[in-house]
Protein backbone atom coordinates (compact mmCIF):
# COMPACT_ATOMS: atom_id res chain seq x y z
CA MET A 1 94.24 33.89 128.43
CA ILE A 2 90.64 35.05 128.46
CA TYR A 3 91.64 38.24 126.65
CA VAL A 4 93.16 36.19 123.85
CA LEU A 5 90.01 34.07 123.61
CA ILE A 6 87.78 37.15 123.46
CA MET A 7 90.10 38.70 120.86
CA ILE A 8 89.86 35.56 118.71
CA GLY A 9 86.09 35.43 119.12
CA SER A 10 85.79 39.10 118.23
CA ALA A 11 87.87 38.59 115.09
CA ILE A 12 85.71 35.64 114.02
CA GLY A 13 82.52 37.54 114.78
CA GLY A 14 83.76 40.61 112.92
CA VAL A 15 84.66 38.61 109.82
CA ALA A 16 81.26 36.89 109.91
CA ARG A 17 79.55 40.27 110.25
CA TYR A 18 81.50 41.71 107.34
CA TRP A 19 80.75 38.73 105.11
CA LEU A 20 77.03 38.45 105.88
CA SER A 21 76.37 42.18 105.80
CA GLY A 22 78.14 42.40 102.42
CA ALA A 23 76.25 39.43 101.03
CA ILE A 24 72.93 40.92 102.10
CA SER A 25 73.84 44.31 100.63
CA ARG A 26 74.79 42.70 97.32
CA CYS A 27 71.42 40.93 97.24
CA PHE A 28 69.14 43.74 98.37
CA GLY A 29 71.15 46.91 97.65
CA GLU A 30 72.32 49.59 100.03
CA ALA A 31 69.37 52.00 100.06
CA PHE A 32 68.30 50.48 103.41
CA PRO A 33 70.77 48.87 105.82
CA TRP A 34 69.30 45.33 105.55
CA GLY A 35 72.67 43.72 106.18
CA THR A 36 73.11 45.47 109.52
CA LEU A 37 69.51 44.73 110.50
CA ILE A 38 69.87 41.01 109.75
CA VAL A 39 73.21 40.76 111.54
CA ASN A 40 71.77 42.50 114.61
CA VAL A 41 68.68 40.32 114.71
CA SER A 42 70.60 37.05 114.20
CA GLY A 43 73.22 38.16 116.76
CA CYS A 44 70.49 38.91 119.28
CA PHE A 45 68.94 35.52 118.68
CA ALA A 46 72.33 33.80 119.06
CA ILE A 47 73.19 35.52 122.34
CA GLY A 48 69.71 34.93 123.78
CA PHE A 49 69.82 31.27 122.82
CA PHE A 50 73.36 30.60 124.05
CA ALA A 51 72.96 32.53 127.30
CA THR A 52 69.83 30.56 128.22
CA LEU A 53 71.06 27.18 126.99
CA THR A 54 74.25 27.51 129.03
CA ALA A 55 72.84 29.42 132.00
CA PRO A 56 74.47 28.39 135.29
CA GLY A 57 72.05 26.34 137.33
CA ASP A 58 69.27 25.64 134.84
CA GLY A 59 70.93 25.53 131.41
CA ARG A 60 70.81 22.30 129.46
CA LEU A 61 74.50 22.54 128.55
CA PHE A 62 77.28 23.22 130.96
CA VAL A 63 80.09 25.37 129.63
CA ASP A 64 82.74 27.05 131.69
CA ALA A 65 82.90 30.81 132.25
CA GLN A 66 85.66 31.25 129.65
CA THR A 67 83.58 29.57 126.96
CA ARG A 68 80.59 31.75 127.77
CA GLN A 69 82.82 34.85 127.59
CA PHE A 70 84.36 33.67 124.29
CA VAL A 71 80.92 33.21 122.72
CA MET A 72 78.93 36.06 124.24
CA ILE A 73 81.60 38.79 124.52
CA GLY A 74 83.92 37.65 121.73
CA LEU A 75 81.84 36.09 118.96
CA CYS A 76 78.55 37.92 119.53
CA GLY A 77 80.26 41.18 120.46
CA GLY A 78 82.36 41.10 117.32
CA TYR A 79 79.39 40.05 115.20
CA THR A 80 76.64 42.47 116.23
CA THR A 81 76.79 45.92 114.81
CA PHE A 82 74.88 48.49 116.80
CA SER A 83 77.59 51.05 116.17
CA SER A 84 76.97 50.61 112.44
CA PHE A 85 73.24 50.83 113.16
CA GLY A 86 73.72 54.20 114.84
CA LEU A 87 75.81 55.63 112.04
CA GLN A 88 73.57 54.37 109.25
CA THR A 89 70.47 55.66 111.01
CA LEU A 90 72.09 59.08 111.45
CA ASN A 91 73.10 59.11 107.81
CA LEU A 92 69.57 58.25 106.72
CA ALA A 93 68.16 61.07 108.87
CA ARG A 94 70.78 63.55 107.70
CA GLY A 95 70.07 62.54 104.08
CA GLY A 96 66.42 63.49 104.43
CA GLU A 97 65.23 59.91 104.79
CA ALA A 98 63.36 60.39 108.07
CA PHE A 99 60.90 57.54 107.44
CA ALA A 100 63.73 55.10 106.62
CA ALA A 101 65.65 56.22 109.72
CA LEU A 102 62.60 55.69 111.95
CA ALA A 103 61.85 52.36 110.27
CA ASN A 104 65.43 51.25 110.92
CA ILE A 105 65.12 52.21 114.61
CA GLY A 106 61.76 50.51 115.05
CA LEU A 107 62.65 47.34 113.15
CA SER A 108 66.02 46.99 114.82
CA PHE A 109 64.64 47.52 118.31
CA GLY A 110 61.52 45.40 117.93
CA LEU A 111 63.06 42.53 115.97
CA CYS A 112 66.16 42.33 118.16
CA LEU A 113 64.16 42.18 121.35
CA PHE A 114 61.94 39.55 119.77
CA ALA A 115 64.99 37.56 118.63
CA VAL A 116 66.54 37.61 122.12
CA TRP A 117 63.21 36.39 123.55
CA LEU A 118 62.87 33.73 120.86
CA GLY A 119 66.42 32.49 121.49
CA HIS A 120 65.63 32.34 125.20
CA VAL A 121 62.37 30.43 124.61
CA ALA A 122 64.06 27.96 122.23
CA ALA A 123 66.88 27.21 124.65
CA ALA A 124 64.51 27.02 127.63
CA HIS A 125 62.49 24.44 125.69
CA LEU A 126 65.63 22.40 125.06
CA ASN A 127 66.58 22.76 128.73
CA ALA A 128 63.19 21.35 129.73
CA LEU A 129 63.39 18.23 127.54
CA LYS A 130 63.86 15.14 129.65
CA GLY A 131 66.30 12.40 128.70
CA ALA A 132 67.10 13.71 125.23
């Protein structure tokens, strides 16, 4: 059953990624992969927040292992797009856009790590609230 749940989560995450990335590209153009960057950053925030909020032992919310796998492996795994990141960065580099390729690497790496940390901090703050 867990495979079915992960499959459903992956499908939902993939559709969300496709929609958001397309919407961002329509707004900002496709010269720089803003859609992929925003999806990766928001996905990193979501997984950091959920993992900490539902952490066994000190998480504010208890969810069972299957729910954690559905969200973190299924939804977040289907949603985040580091494979697209790699291909788009390679294409920028191969197209002579070395600065844009390096900017994509630096922004993706730095912002995604920051988003995971921020999600963790936000959930840890919620976990620490008493009686709310």
